[in-house]
Amino acid sequence: MNQTHAVGYAYGLWPLVAVNVALFVGFLLSFAKPDTKIEWRSFGLFTSFIVALFVEMYGFPLTIYFLASWLGNKYPVADPFSHVNGHLLNVFMGIRSDHGSLLHILSNVLIFAGGVLIVRGWNVVHAVKEGVAEQGPYAYVRHPQYLGFVSVIIGFLIQWPTFVTLLMAPVLIIRYVLLAYREEKEMLSKYPKEYKAYMEKVPAWIPMWK
């Protein structure tokens, strides 16, 4: 690392990477432990997304290195390797890059709301041993847990987009959508009348507030 990069260089914090990954993944795993092999694979992909995110957030800023290399002096950051300038959407939209920006607030709201959906959805599923779950968030959308994971992914992308996470996000979202529809087929097979009636009154992803 040369002296230019050393000034304001806010990366190489590998213990912080490990702590954040462990806390976030551990929190979600404690409330939304996968049951099937497919769910474990999906959770593994989500964990990979989280690892890639925090590695670039605190460990090694691969995306910023590429941008600085490709754009050179045109890169609109005086000190590209300071942590605050890792919020690339803020940088390129000309928004003051701090934790009080509207984009950062929106990101935190999506992450927090996604976490709440995951936890509440998981609690409802385990409270309803048999039949169709229609309580709590399931009264508004049919797949609150997967919607929660998608919300968390989008929230992190807004806050800290990277080449790797931008490539992984569509794969994860598509996988959650396919997993949701696979579970719906299973529910229709097990509870044909009840789940069909549930599908007719509750949307899959976007709540219809009444």
N, C-alpha and C. Protein backbone atom coordinates (compact mmCIF):
# COMPACT_ATOMS: atom_id res chain seq x y z
N MET A 1 0.84 -1.19 0.00
CA MET A 1 0.00 0.00 0.00
C MET A 1 0.88 1.25 0.00
N ASN A 2 0.65 2.20 -0.91
CA ASN A 2 1.46 3.40 -0.94
C ASN A 2 0.92 4.44 0.03
N GLN A 3 1.65 5.55 0.15
CA GLN A 3 1.27 6.56 1.13
C GLN A 3 -0.04 7.24 0.76
N THR A 4 -0.32 7.35 -0.55
CA THR A 4 -1.55 7.99 -0.97
C THR A 4 -2.75 7.22 -0.44
N HIS A 5 -2.69 5.88 -0.55
CA HIS A 5 -3.78 5.07 -0.06
C HIS A 5 -3.82 5.02 1.46
N ALA A 6 -2.68 5.18 2.09
CA ALA A 6 -2.63 5.10 3.54
C ALA A 6 -3.36 6.27 4.19
N VAL A 7 -3.42 7.43 3.51
CA VAL A 7 -4.10 8.59 4.06
C VAL A 7 -5.61 8.34 4.01
N GLY A 8 -6.24 8.30 5.16
CA GLY A 8 -7.67 8.07 5.22
C GLY A 8 -8.08 6.65 4.89
N TYR A 9 -7.16 5.72 4.85
CA TYR A 9 -7.47 4.35 4.51
C TYR A 9 -8.21 3.71 5.67
N ALA A 10 -9.45 3.29 5.43
CA ALA A 10 -10.31 2.85 6.52
C ALA A 10 -10.66 1.37 6.41
N TYR A 11 -9.75 0.57 5.83
CA TYR A 11 -10.05 -0.84 5.61
C TYR A 11 -8.99 -1.71 6.29
N GLY A 12 -9.02 -3.01 6.01
CA GLY A 12 -8.11 -3.92 6.69
C GLY A 12 -8.55 -4.24 8.10
N LEU A 13 -9.83 -3.98 8.41
CA LEU A 13 -10.35 -4.22 9.76
C LEU A 13 -11.01 -5.59 9.81
N TRP A 14 -10.22 -6.63 9.68
CA TRP A 14 -10.74 -7.99 9.57
C TRP A 14 -11.48 -8.48 10.81
N PRO A 15 -11.05 -8.14 12.03
CA PRO A 15 -11.87 -8.53 13.19
C PRO A 15 -13.28 -7.94 13.13
N LEU A 16 -13.39 -6.71 12.61
CA LEU A 16 -14.71 -6.09 12.47
C LEU A 16 -15.55 -6.81 11.43
N VAL A 17 -14.90 -7.30 10.38
CA VAL A 17 -15.60 -8.11 9.38
C VAL A 17 -16.19 -9.36 10.04
N ALA A 18 -15.35 -10.06 10.79
CA ALA A 18 -15.78 -11.32 11.42
C ALA A 18 -16.90 -11.08 12.43
N VAL A 19 -16.80 -10.01 13.21
CA VAL A 19 -17.81 -9.71 14.22
C VAL A 19 -19.15 -9.40 13.56
N ASN A 20 -19.14 -8.56 12.53
CA ASN A 20 -20.39 -8.18 11.86
C ASN A 20 -21.05 -9.38 11.19
N VAL A 21 -20.26 -10.21 10.51
CA VAL A 21 -20.81 -11.39 9.85
C VAL A 21 -21.42 -12.33 10.90
N ALA A 22 -20.69 -12.56 11.98
CA ALA A 22 -21.17 -13.48 13.02
C ALA A 22 -22.44 -12.96 13.68
N LEU A 23 -22.48 -11.67 13.98
CA LEU A 23 -23.65 -11.10 14.63
C LEU A 23 -24.88 -11.15 13.72
N PHE A 24 -24.70 -10.73 12.47
CA PHE A 24 -25.86 -10.65 11.58
C PHE A 24 -26.37 -12.03 11.20
N VAL A 25 -25.47 -12.90 10.76
CA VAL A 25 -25.88 -14.24 10.36
C VAL A 25 -26.39 -15.02 11.58
N GLY A 26 -25.72 -14.88 12.71
CA GLY A 26 -26.16 -15.58 13.91
C GLY A 26 -27.54 -15.14 14.37
N PHE A 27 -27.81 -13.84 14.26
CA PHE A 27 -29.12 -13.32 14.65
C PHE A 27 -30.21 -13.91 13.77
N LEU A 28 -30.01 -13.89 12.46
CA LEU A 28 -31.02 -14.42 11.55
C LEU A 28 -31.17 -15.94 11.71
N LEU A 29 -30.05 -16.62 11.90
CA LEU A 29 -30.10 -18.08 12.03
C LEU A 29 -30.84 -18.50 13.30
N SER A 30 -30.74 -17.68 14.35
CA SER A 30 -31.41 -18.01 15.60
C SER A 30 -32.92 -17.91 15.48
N PHE A 31 -33.41 -17.06 14.55
CA PHE A 31 -34.85 -16.89 14.38
C PHE A 31 -35.40 -17.57 13.14
N ALA A 32 -34.56 -17.85 12.17
CA ALA A 32 -35.03 -18.41 10.90
C ALA A 32 -34.15 -19.56 10.46
N LYS A 33 -34.04 -20.56 11.32
CA LYS A 33 -33.19 -21.70 11.00
C LYS A 33 -33.81 -22.51 9.88
N PRO A 34 -33.09 -22.75 8.78
CA PRO A 34 -33.63 -23.52 7.65
C PRO A 34 -33.95 -24.95 8.07
N ASP A 35 -34.96 -25.52 7.41
CA ASP A 35 -35.38 -26.89 7.72
C ASP A 35 -34.97 -27.88 6.64
N THR A 36 -35.00 -27.45 5.38
CA THR A 36 -34.73 -28.36 4.28
C THR A 36 -33.37 -28.06 3.65
N LYS A 37 -32.92 -28.98 2.80
CA LYS A 37 -31.65 -28.77 2.11
C LYS A 37 -31.69 -27.53 1.22
N ILE A 38 -32.83 -27.34 0.56
CA ILE A 38 -32.95 -26.17 -0.32
C ILE A 38 -32.87 -24.88 0.50
N GLU A 39 -33.53 -24.86 1.66
CA GLU A 39 -33.48 -23.68 2.52
C GLU A 39 -32.06 -23.44 3.03
N TRP A 40 -31.34 -24.52 3.36
CA TRP A 40 -29.96 -24.37 3.81
C TRP A 40 -29.08 -23.81 2.70
N ARG A 41 -29.31 -24.26 1.46
CA ARG A 41 -28.53 -23.72 0.34
C ARG A 41 -28.84 -22.23 0.15
N SER A 42 -30.10 -21.87 0.25
CA SER A 42 -30.48 -20.47 0.10
C SER A 42 -29.88 -19.62 1.21
N PHE A 43 -29.90 -20.16 2.43
CA PHE A 43 -29.30 -19.43 3.55
C PHE A 43 -27.79 -19.34 3.38
N GLY A 44 -27.18 -20.38 2.80
CA GLY A 44 -25.74 -20.34 2.52
C GLY A 44 -25.40 -19.25 1.52
N LEU A 45 -26.25 -19.10 0.48
CA LEU A 45 -26.04 -18.02 -0.49
C LEU A 45 -26.19 -16.66 0.17
N PHE A 46 -27.19 -16.54 1.04
CA PHE A 46 -27.38 -15.28 1.75
C PHE A 46 -26.19 -14.97 2.64
N THR A 47 -25.66 -16.00 3.30
CA THR A 47 -24.47 -15.81 4.13
C THR A 47 -23.29 -15.36 3.28
N SER A 48 -23.13 -15.95 2.08
CA SER A 48 -22.06 -15.53 1.17
C SER A 48 -22.22 -14.07 0.79
N PHE A 49 -23.46 -13.64 0.57
CA PHE A 49 -23.74 -12.24 0.26
C PHE A 49 -23.29 -11.34 1.41
N ILE A 50 -23.63 -11.74 2.63
CA ILE A 50 -23.26 -10.94 3.81
C ILE A 50 -21.75 -10.90 3.98
N VAL A 51 -21.08 -12.03 3.78
CA VAL A 51 -19.61 -12.07 3.89
C VAL A 51 -18.98 -11.14 2.86
N ALA A 52 -19.43 -11.24 1.60
CA ALA A 52 -18.89 -10.39 0.54
C ALA A 52 -19.11 -8.92 0.85
N LEU A 53 -20.28 -8.61 1.39
CA LEU A 53 -20.60 -7.23 1.74
C LEU A 53 -19.65 -6.67 2.79
N PHE A 54 -19.51 -7.38 3.92
CA PHE A 54 -18.70 -6.85 5.01
C PHE A 54 -17.20 -6.91 4.72
N VAL A 55 -16.80 -7.85 3.86
CA VAL A 55 -15.39 -7.88 3.45
C VAL A 55 -15.03 -6.59 2.73
N GLU A 56 -15.93 -6.13 1.84
CA GLU A 56 -15.64 -4.88 1.14
C GLU A 56 -15.94 -3.66 2.00
N MET A 57 -16.81 -3.79 2.98
CA MET A 57 -17.14 -2.65 3.83
C MET A 57 -16.02 -2.34 4.82
N TYR A 58 -15.37 -3.39 5.33
CA TYR A 58 -14.34 -3.17 6.36
C TYR A 58 -13.00 -3.83 6.04
N GLY A 59 -12.98 -4.79 5.11
CA GLY A 59 -11.74 -5.52 4.86
C GLY A 59 -10.95 -5.00 3.68
N PHE A 60 -11.38 -5.34 2.48
CA PHE A 60 -10.64 -4.95 1.28
C PHE A 60 -11.61 -4.33 0.26
N PRO A 61 -11.49 -3.04 -0.07
CA PRO A 61 -12.45 -2.34 -0.94
C PRO A 61 -12.19 -2.61 -2.42
N LEU A 62 -12.48 -3.83 -2.86
CA LEU A 62 -12.19 -4.22 -4.23
C LEU A 62 -12.88 -3.32 -5.25
N THR A 63 -14.14 -3.02 -5.02
CA THR A 63 -14.90 -2.19 -5.96
C THR A 63 -14.29 -0.81 -6.09
N ILE A 64 -13.90 -0.20 -4.97
CA ILE A 64 -13.32 1.14 -5.00
C ILE A 64 -11.96 1.12 -5.70
N TYR A 65 -11.19 0.07 -5.51
CA TYR A 65 -9.91 -0.05 -6.21
C TYR A 65 -10.14 -0.07 -7.72
N PHE A 66 -11.12 -0.85 -8.16
CA PHE A 66 -11.41 -0.91 -9.60
C PHE A 66 -11.89 0.44 -10.13
N LEU A 67 -12.78 1.08 -9.38
CA LEU A 67 -13.30 2.37 -9.82
C LEU A 67 -12.20 3.42 -9.90
N ALA A 68 -11.34 3.44 -8.88
CA ALA A 68 -10.25 4.41 -8.89
C ALA A 68 -9.28 4.14 -10.02
N SER A 69 -9.09 2.85 -10.34
CA SER A 69 -8.18 2.48 -11.42
C SER A 69 -8.77 2.84 -12.78
N TRP A 70 -10.07 2.59 -12.96
CA TRP A 70 -10.71 2.84 -14.25
C TRP A 70 -10.97 4.33 -14.49
N LEU A 71 -11.42 5.03 -13.46
CA LEU A 71 -11.84 6.42 -13.65
C LEU A 71 -10.74 7.44 -13.35
N GLY A 72 -9.73 7.02 -12.62
CA GLY A 72 -8.61 7.91 -12.32
C GLY A 72 -9.06 9.20 -11.66
N ASN A 73 -8.62 10.33 -12.20
CA ASN A 73 -8.95 11.63 -11.63
C ASN A 73 -10.43 11.98 -11.78
N LYS A 74 -11.13 11.26 -12.65
CA LYS A 74 -12.56 11.53 -12.83
C LYS A 74 -13.39 10.93 -11.71
N TYR A 75 -12.78 10.06 -10.92
CA TYR A 75 -13.52 9.48 -9.80
C TYR A 75 -13.87 10.61 -8.84
N PRO A 76 -15.16 10.85 -8.56
CA PRO A 76 -15.58 12.06 -7.85
C PRO A 76 -15.40 12.00 -6.34
N VAL A 77 -14.25 11.56 -5.89
CA VAL A 77 -13.97 11.48 -4.47
C VAL A 77 -12.54 11.94 -4.23
N ALA A 78 -12.38 12.89 -3.34
CA ALA A 78 -11.03 13.39 -3.06
C ALA A 78 -10.19 12.33 -2.37
N ASP A 79 -10.83 11.56 -1.49
CA ASP A 79 -10.12 10.52 -0.75
C ASP A 79 -10.93 9.23 -0.86
N PRO A 80 -10.77 8.50 -1.96
CA PRO A 80 -11.65 7.36 -2.23
C PRO A 80 -11.57 6.23 -1.22
N PHE A 81 -10.49 6.16 -0.44
CA PHE A 81 -10.31 5.01 0.45
C PHE A 81 -10.69 5.31 1.89
N SER A 82 -11.34 6.45 2.12
CA SER A 82 -11.92 6.67 3.45
C SER A 82 -13.24 5.92 3.52
N HIS A 83 -13.62 5.51 4.71
CA HIS A 83 -14.80 4.65 4.85
C HIS A 83 -16.07 5.35 4.39
N VAL A 84 -16.20 6.63 4.66
CA VAL A 84 -17.43 7.34 4.35
C VAL A 84 -17.69 7.36 2.85
N ASN A 85 -16.64 7.31 2.04
CA ASN A 85 -16.80 7.35 0.59
C ASN A 85 -17.03 5.97 -0.02
N GLY A 86 -17.20 4.98 0.82
CA GLY A 86 -17.60 3.67 0.32
C GLY A 86 -19.08 3.60 0.01
N HIS A 87 -19.84 4.61 0.46
CA HIS A 87 -21.27 4.68 0.14
C HIS A 87 -21.39 5.23 -1.28
N LEU A 88 -21.22 4.34 -2.26
CA LEU A 88 -21.03 4.76 -3.64
C LEU A 88 -22.25 5.46 -4.24
N LEU A 89 -23.46 5.06 -3.86
CA LEU A 89 -24.63 5.74 -4.39
C LEU A 89 -24.65 7.20 -3.97
N ASN A 90 -24.31 7.45 -2.71
CA ASN A 90 -24.22 8.83 -2.24
C ASN A 90 -23.19 9.61 -3.04
N VAL A 91 -22.05 8.97 -3.27
CA VAL A 91 -20.95 9.63 -3.97
C VAL A 91 -21.36 10.03 -5.38
N PHE A 92 -21.91 9.07 -6.13
CA PHE A 92 -22.21 9.34 -7.53
C PHE A 92 -23.47 10.17 -7.72
N MET A 93 -24.32 10.26 -6.70
CA MET A 93 -25.50 11.10 -6.78
C MET A 93 -25.25 12.48 -6.21
N GLY A 94 -24.01 12.69 -5.75
CA GLY A 94 -23.66 14.00 -5.22
C GLY A 94 -24.28 14.30 -3.86
N ILE A 95 -24.62 13.25 -3.12
CA ILE A 95 -25.20 13.42 -1.79
C ILE A 95 -24.09 13.37 -0.76
N ARG A 96 -24.20 14.20 0.25
CA ARG A 96 -23.19 14.19 1.32
C ARG A 96 -23.10 12.80 1.91
N SER A 97 -21.91 12.23 1.86
CA SER A 97 -21.72 10.83 2.26
C SER A 97 -21.53 10.71 3.77
N ASP A 98 -22.65 10.69 4.48
CA ASP A 98 -22.57 10.42 5.91
C ASP A 98 -23.77 9.56 6.29
N HIS A 99 -23.85 9.20 7.56
CA HIS A 99 -24.88 8.28 7.99
C HIS A 99 -26.23 8.95 8.16
N GLY A 100 -26.32 10.25 7.89
CA GLY A 100 -27.59 10.96 8.00
C GLY A 100 -28.25 11.24 6.68
N SER A 101 -27.69 10.73 5.60
CA SER A 101 -28.29 10.97 4.29
C SER A 101 -29.59 10.18 4.15
N LEU A 102 -30.46 10.63 3.25
CA LEU A 102 -31.74 9.97 3.05
C LEU A 102 -31.55 8.54 2.56
N LEU A 103 -30.54 8.32 1.69
CA LEU A 103 -30.28 6.97 1.20
C LEU A 103 -29.87 6.04 2.34
N HIS A 104 -29.05 6.55 3.24
CA HIS A 104 -28.59 5.73 4.37
C HIS A 104 -29.75 5.42 5.31
N ILE A 105 -30.62 6.40 5.52
CA ILE A 105 -31.79 6.17 6.37
C ILE A 105 -32.72 5.15 5.73
N LEU A 106 -32.95 5.29 4.40
CA LEU A 106 -33.79 4.32 3.69
C LEU A 106 -33.20 2.92 3.79
N SER A 107 -31.89 2.82 3.65
CA SER A 107 -31.20 1.53 3.76
C SER A 107 -31.44 0.91 5.13
N ASN A 108 -31.27 1.69 6.18
CA ASN A 108 -31.46 1.16 7.53
C ASN A 108 -32.91 0.75 7.77
N VAL A 109 -33.86 1.50 7.23
CA VAL A 109 -35.28 1.15 7.39
C VAL A 109 -35.56 -0.18 6.72
N LEU A 110 -35.04 -0.38 5.50
CA LEU A 110 -35.27 -1.64 4.79
C LEU A 110 -34.63 -2.82 5.52
N ILE A 111 -33.42 -2.63 6.03
CA ILE A 111 -32.74 -3.71 6.76
C ILE A 111 -33.50 -4.05 8.04
N PHE A 112 -33.89 -3.02 8.79
CA PHE A 112 -34.61 -3.26 10.04
C PHE A 112 -35.97 -3.90 9.78
N ALA A 113 -36.71 -3.36 8.80
CA ALA A 113 -38.03 -3.91 8.48
C ALA A 113 -37.91 -5.35 8.00
N GLY A 114 -36.88 -5.64 7.20
CA GLY A 114 -36.66 -7.00 6.73
C GLY A 114 -36.39 -7.95 7.88
N GLY A 115 -35.57 -7.52 8.82
CA GLY A 115 -35.28 -8.35 9.98
C GLY A 115 -36.52 -8.64 10.81
N VAL A 116 -37.38 -7.61 10.97
CA VAL A 116 -38.62 -7.79 11.73
C VAL A 116 -39.54 -8.78 11.03
N LEU A 117 -39.65 -8.67 9.69
CA LEU A 117 -40.48 -9.60 8.93
C LEU A 117 -40.00 -11.04 9.08
N ILE A 118 -38.69 -11.23 9.01
CA ILE A 118 -38.12 -12.57 9.14
C ILE A 118 -38.45 -13.17 10.50
N VAL A 119 -38.23 -12.38 11.55
CA VAL A 119 -38.44 -12.87 12.91
C VAL A 119 -39.92 -13.15 13.17
N ARG A 120 -40.78 -12.19 12.82
CA ARG A 120 -42.21 -12.37 13.09
C ARG A 120 -42.80 -13.51 12.25
N GLY A 121 -42.34 -13.60 11.00
CA GLY A 121 -42.83 -14.68 10.16
C GLY A 121 -42.43 -16.04 10.70
N TRP A 122 -41.20 -16.13 11.16
CA TRP A 122 -40.71 -17.40 11.71
C TRP A 122 -41.49 -17.79 12.97
N ASN A 123 -41.80 -16.81 13.82
CA ASN A 123 -42.56 -17.09 15.03
C ASN A 123 -43.96 -17.61 14.71
N VAL A 124 -44.59 -17.02 13.69
CA VAL A 124 -45.93 -17.45 13.31
C VAL A 124 -45.90 -18.88 12.77
N VAL A 125 -44.94 -19.17 11.89
CA VAL A 125 -44.83 -20.50 11.29
C VAL A 125 -44.69 -21.57 12.36
N HIS A 126 -43.89 -21.29 13.39
CA HIS A 126 -43.66 -22.30 14.41
C HIS A 126 -44.77 -22.34 15.45
N ALA A 127 -45.59 -21.29 15.50
CA ALA A 127 -46.75 -21.33 16.39
C ALA A 127 -47.89 -22.13 15.76
N VAL A 128 -47.98 -22.09 14.42
CA VAL A 128 -49.02 -22.83 13.71
C VAL A 128 -48.43 -24.17 13.26
N LYS A 129 -48.69 -25.19 14.01
CA LYS A 129 -48.09 -26.50 13.71
C LYS A 129 -48.73 -27.14 12.49
N GLU A 130 -50.04 -27.00 12.35
CA GLU A 130 -50.77 -27.58 11.23
C GLU A 130 -51.67 -26.52 10.63
N GLY A 131 -51.98 -26.67 9.33
CA GLY A 131 -52.88 -25.74 8.67
C GLY A 131 -52.14 -24.59 8.02
N VAL A 132 -52.89 -23.57 7.64
CA VAL A 132 -52.35 -22.42 6.92
C VAL A 132 -52.11 -21.27 7.89
N ALA A 133 -50.91 -20.75 7.89
CA ALA A 133 -50.59 -19.62 8.75
C ALA A 133 -51.17 -18.34 8.15
N GLU A 134 -52.03 -17.65 8.92
CA GLU A 134 -52.65 -16.43 8.43
C GLU A 134 -52.52 -15.30 9.44
N GLN A 135 -51.75 -15.50 10.49
CA GLN A 135 -51.62 -14.50 11.53
C GLN A 135 -50.41 -13.59 11.26
N GLY A 136 -50.35 -12.50 12.00
CA GLY A 136 -49.20 -11.60 11.92
C GLY A 136 -48.95 -11.11 10.51
N PRO A 137 -47.70 -11.13 10.07
CA PRO A 137 -47.38 -10.64 8.72
C PRO A 137 -48.00 -11.50 7.62
N TYR A 138 -48.36 -12.75 7.94
CA TYR A 138 -49.00 -13.61 6.94
C TYR A 138 -50.42 -13.15 6.60
N ALA A 139 -50.95 -12.21 7.37
CA ALA A 139 -52.26 -11.64 7.04
C ALA A 139 -52.15 -10.61 5.93
N TYR A 140 -50.92 -10.18 5.62
CA TYR A 140 -50.73 -9.13 4.62
C TYR A 140 -50.01 -9.63 3.37
N VAL A 141 -49.07 -10.54 3.52
CA VAL A 141 -48.37 -11.15 2.38
C VAL A 141 -48.17 -12.63 2.67
N ARG A 142 -48.09 -13.41 1.59
CA ARG A 142 -47.97 -14.87 1.77
C ARG A 142 -46.54 -15.32 2.07
N HIS A 143 -45.57 -14.47 1.78
CA HIS A 143 -44.17 -14.87 1.97
C HIS A 143 -43.39 -13.80 2.74
N PRO A 144 -43.80 -13.50 3.97
CA PRO A 144 -43.14 -12.42 4.71
C PRO A 144 -41.66 -12.67 4.99
N GLN A 145 -41.29 -13.94 5.26
CA GLN A 145 -39.89 -14.21 5.56
C GLN A 145 -38.99 -13.96 4.35
N TYR A 146 -39.42 -14.45 3.20
CA TYR A 146 -38.62 -14.24 1.99
C TYR A 146 -38.63 -12.76 1.58
N LEU A 147 -39.76 -12.10 1.78
CA LEU A 147 -39.81 -10.66 1.54
C LEU A 147 -38.85 -9.93 2.47
N GLY A 148 -38.73 -10.44 3.70
CA GLY A 148 -37.78 -9.85 4.64
C GLY A 148 -36.35 -9.99 4.18
N PHE A 149 -35.98 -11.17 3.68
CA PHE A 149 -34.63 -11.37 3.15
C PHE A 149 -34.36 -10.45 1.96
N VAL A 150 -35.35 -10.31 1.07
CA VAL A 150 -35.19 -9.43 -0.09
C VAL A 150 -35.03 -7.98 0.37
N SER A 151 -35.79 -7.58 1.38
CA SER A 151 -35.69 -6.22 1.91
C SER A 151 -34.29 -5.96 2.49
N VAL A 152 -33.76 -6.93 3.21
CA VAL A 152 -32.41 -6.79 3.77
C VAL A 152 -31.37 -6.67 2.66
N ILE A 153 -31.50 -7.49 1.63
CA ILE A 153 -30.55 -7.46 0.52
C ILE A 153 -30.57 -6.10 -0.17
N ILE A 154 -31.78 -5.60 -0.49
CA ILE A 154 -31.89 -4.31 -1.16
C ILE A 154 -31.37 -3.19 -0.27
N GLY A 155 -31.67 -3.28 1.03
CA GLY A 155 -31.18 -2.27 1.96
C GLY A 155 -29.67 -2.18 1.98
N PHE A 156 -29.00 -3.33 2.02
CA PHE A 156 -27.54 -3.32 2.00
C PHE A 156 -26.99 -2.84 0.67
N LEU A 157 -27.67 -3.16 -0.43
CA LEU A 157 -27.22 -2.69 -1.74
C LEU A 157 -27.29 -1.18 -1.84
N ILE A 158 -28.33 -0.58 -1.27
CA ILE A 158 -28.44 0.88 -1.28
C ILE A 158 -27.32 1.49 -0.45
N GLN A 159 -27.03 0.89 0.68
CA GLN A 159 -26.02 1.45 1.58
C GLN A 159 -24.60 1.24 1.09
N TRP A 160 -24.32 0.05 0.56
CA TRP A 160 -22.93 -0.27 0.23
C TRP A 160 -22.87 -1.19 -0.99
N PRO A 161 -23.15 -0.67 -2.19
CA PRO A 161 -23.12 -1.52 -3.38
C PRO A 161 -21.70 -1.89 -3.78
N THR A 162 -21.50 -3.14 -4.18
CA THR A 162 -20.20 -3.60 -4.68
C THR A 162 -20.45 -4.46 -5.92
N PHE A 163 -19.40 -4.70 -6.69
CA PHE A 163 -19.54 -5.53 -7.88
C PHE A 163 -20.05 -6.93 -7.52
N VAL A 164 -19.48 -7.50 -6.47
CA VAL A 164 -19.83 -8.88 -6.10
C VAL A 164 -21.27 -8.96 -5.61
N THR A 165 -21.68 -8.06 -4.72
CA THR A 165 -23.04 -8.13 -4.18
C THR A 165 -24.08 -7.78 -5.24
N LEU A 166 -23.74 -6.90 -6.17
CA LEU A 166 -24.67 -6.58 -7.25
C LEU A 166 -24.90 -7.79 -8.15
N LEU A 167 -23.89 -8.63 -8.30
CA LEU A 167 -24.04 -9.85 -9.08
C LEU A 167 -24.81 -10.93 -8.31
N MET A 168 -24.58 -10.97 -7.00
CA MET A 168 -25.21 -12.00 -6.18
C MET A 168 -26.67 -11.71 -5.87
N ALA A 169 -27.03 -10.44 -5.75
CA ALA A 169 -28.38 -10.07 -5.31
C ALA A 169 -29.47 -10.63 -6.21
N PRO A 170 -29.39 -10.48 -7.54
CA PRO A 170 -30.46 -11.05 -8.38
C PRO A 170 -30.59 -12.56 -8.24
N VAL A 171 -29.46 -13.24 -8.09
CA VAL A 171 -29.49 -14.69 -7.93
C VAL A 171 -30.23 -15.06 -6.65
N LEU A 172 -29.92 -14.35 -5.57
CA LEU A 172 -30.58 -14.62 -4.29
C LEU A 172 -32.07 -14.33 -4.36
N ILE A 173 -32.43 -13.19 -4.94
CA ILE A 173 -33.84 -12.81 -5.00
C ILE A 173 -34.64 -13.80 -5.83
N ILE A 174 -34.09 -14.20 -6.99
CA ILE A 174 -34.77 -15.18 -7.83
C ILE A 174 -34.92 -16.51 -7.09
N ARG A 175 -33.88 -16.88 -6.34
CA ARG A 175 -33.93 -18.14 -5.60
C ARG A 175 -35.03 -18.10 -4.53
N TYR A 176 -35.17 -16.98 -3.84
CA TYR A 176 -36.21 -16.86 -2.83
C TYR A 176 -37.60 -16.89 -3.46
N VAL A 177 -37.76 -16.26 -4.62
CA VAL A 177 -39.05 -16.29 -5.32
C VAL A 177 -39.40 -17.72 -5.72
N LEU A 178 -38.44 -18.44 -6.28
CA LEU A 178 -38.69 -19.83 -6.69
C LEU A 178 -38.98 -20.71 -5.49
N LEU A 179 -38.25 -20.48 -4.39
CA LEU A 179 -38.48 -21.27 -3.18
C LEU A 179 -39.88 -21.00 -2.63
N ALA A 180 -40.32 -19.75 -2.71
CA ALA A 180 -41.66 -19.40 -2.23
C ALA A 180 -42.74 -20.12 -3.03
N TYR A 181 -42.60 -20.12 -4.35
CA TYR A 181 -43.61 -20.77 -5.18
C TYR A 181 -43.55 -22.30 -5.05
N ARG A 182 -42.38 -22.82 -4.75
CA ARG A 182 -42.28 -24.26 -4.51
C ARG A 182 -43.03 -24.62 -3.23
N GLU A 183 -42.89 -23.80 -2.20
CA GLU A 183 -43.61 -24.05 -0.96
C GLU A 183 -45.12 -23.90 -1.15
N GLU A 184 -45.52 -22.97 -2.04
CA GLU A 184 -46.95 -22.80 -2.30
C GLU A 184 -47.54 -24.07 -2.93
N LYS A 185 -46.80 -24.68 -3.85
CA LYS A 185 -47.27 -25.92 -4.46
C LYS A 185 -47.46 -27.01 -3.40
N GLU A 186 -46.52 -27.06 -2.45
CA GLU A 186 -46.63 -28.05 -1.38
C GLU A 186 -47.85 -27.79 -0.50
N MET A 187 -48.09 -26.48 -0.21
CA MET A 187 -49.26 -26.14 0.62
C MET A 187 -50.56 -26.44 -0.12
N LEU A 188 -50.60 -26.18 -1.43
CA LEU A 188 -51.79 -26.48 -2.22
C LEU A 188 -52.05 -27.98 -2.27
N SER A 189 -50.97 -28.74 -2.28
CA SER A 189 -51.13 -30.19 -2.28
C SER A 189 -51.63 -30.70 -0.94
N LYS A 190 -51.18 -30.07 0.14
CA LYS A 190 -51.52 -30.53 1.48
C LYS A 190 -52.85 -29.95 1.96
N TYR A 191 -53.09 -28.68 1.66
CA TYR A 191 -54.32 -28.01 2.09
C TYR A 191 -54.96 -27.30 0.89
N PRO A 192 -55.49 -28.04 -0.08
CA PRO A 192 -55.95 -27.44 -1.33
C PRO A 192 -57.00 -26.35 -1.16
N LYS A 193 -58.07 -26.62 -0.41
CA LYS A 193 -59.14 -25.63 -0.26
C LYS A 193 -58.70 -24.44 0.59
N GLU A 194 -58.08 -24.75 1.72
CA GLU A 194 -57.70 -23.69 2.64
C GLU A 194 -56.67 -22.75 2.04
N TYR A 195 -55.65 -23.33 1.39
CA TYR A 195 -54.59 -22.46 0.87
C TYR A 195 -55.04 -21.71 -0.37
N LYS A 196 -55.92 -22.30 -1.17
CA LYS A 196 -56.44 -21.60 -2.33
C LYS A 196 -57.25 -20.39 -1.89
N ALA A 197 -58.05 -20.56 -0.85
CA ALA A 197 -58.82 -19.44 -0.31
C ALA A 197 -57.87 -18.36 0.25
N TYR A 198 -56.81 -18.80 0.89
CA TYR A 198 -55.81 -17.86 1.42
C TYR A 198 -55.14 -17.08 0.30
N MET A 199 -54.81 -17.75 -0.80
CA MET A 199 -54.17 -17.10 -1.93
C MET A 199 -55.09 -16.06 -2.57
N GLU A 200 -56.39 -16.31 -2.54
CA GLU A 200 -57.34 -15.40 -3.17
C GLU A 200 -57.50 -14.10 -2.39
N LYS A 201 -57.21 -14.12 -1.11
CA LYS A 201 -57.43 -12.91 -0.30
C LYS A 201 -56.13 -12.23 0.15
N VAL A 202 -54.99 -12.93 0.05
CA VAL A 202 -53.71 -12.34 0.50
C VAL A 202 -52.71 -12.35 -0.65
N PRO A 203 -52.13 -11.18 -1.01
CA PRO A 203 -51.15 -11.13 -2.10
C PRO A 203 -49.85 -11.83 -1.73
N ALA A 204 -49.07 -12.18 -2.75
CA ALA A 204 -47.83 -12.93 -2.51
C ALA A 204 -46.74 -12.05 -1.91
N TRP A 205 -46.52 -10.85 -2.46
CA TRP A 205 -45.35 -10.07 -2.07
C TRP A 205 -45.66 -8.65 -1.63
N ILE A 206 -46.60 -8.00 -2.31
CA ILE A 206 -46.86 -6.58 -2.02
C ILE A 206 -48.18 -6.48 -1.26
N PRO A 207 -48.14 -6.02 -0.01
CA PRO A 207 -49.39 -5.97 0.79
C PRO A 207 -50.39 -4.98 0.21
N MET A 208 -51.65 -5.33 0.33
CA MET A 208 -52.75 -4.45 -0.07
C MET A 208 -53.42 -3.95 1.20
N TRP A 209 -53.01 -2.79 1.64
CA TRP A 209 -53.51 -2.26 2.91
C TRP A 209 -54.96 -1.83 2.76
N LYS A 210 -55.79 -2.24 3.69
CA LYS A 210 -57.20 -1.87 3.66
C LYS A 210 -57.51 -1.00 4.88
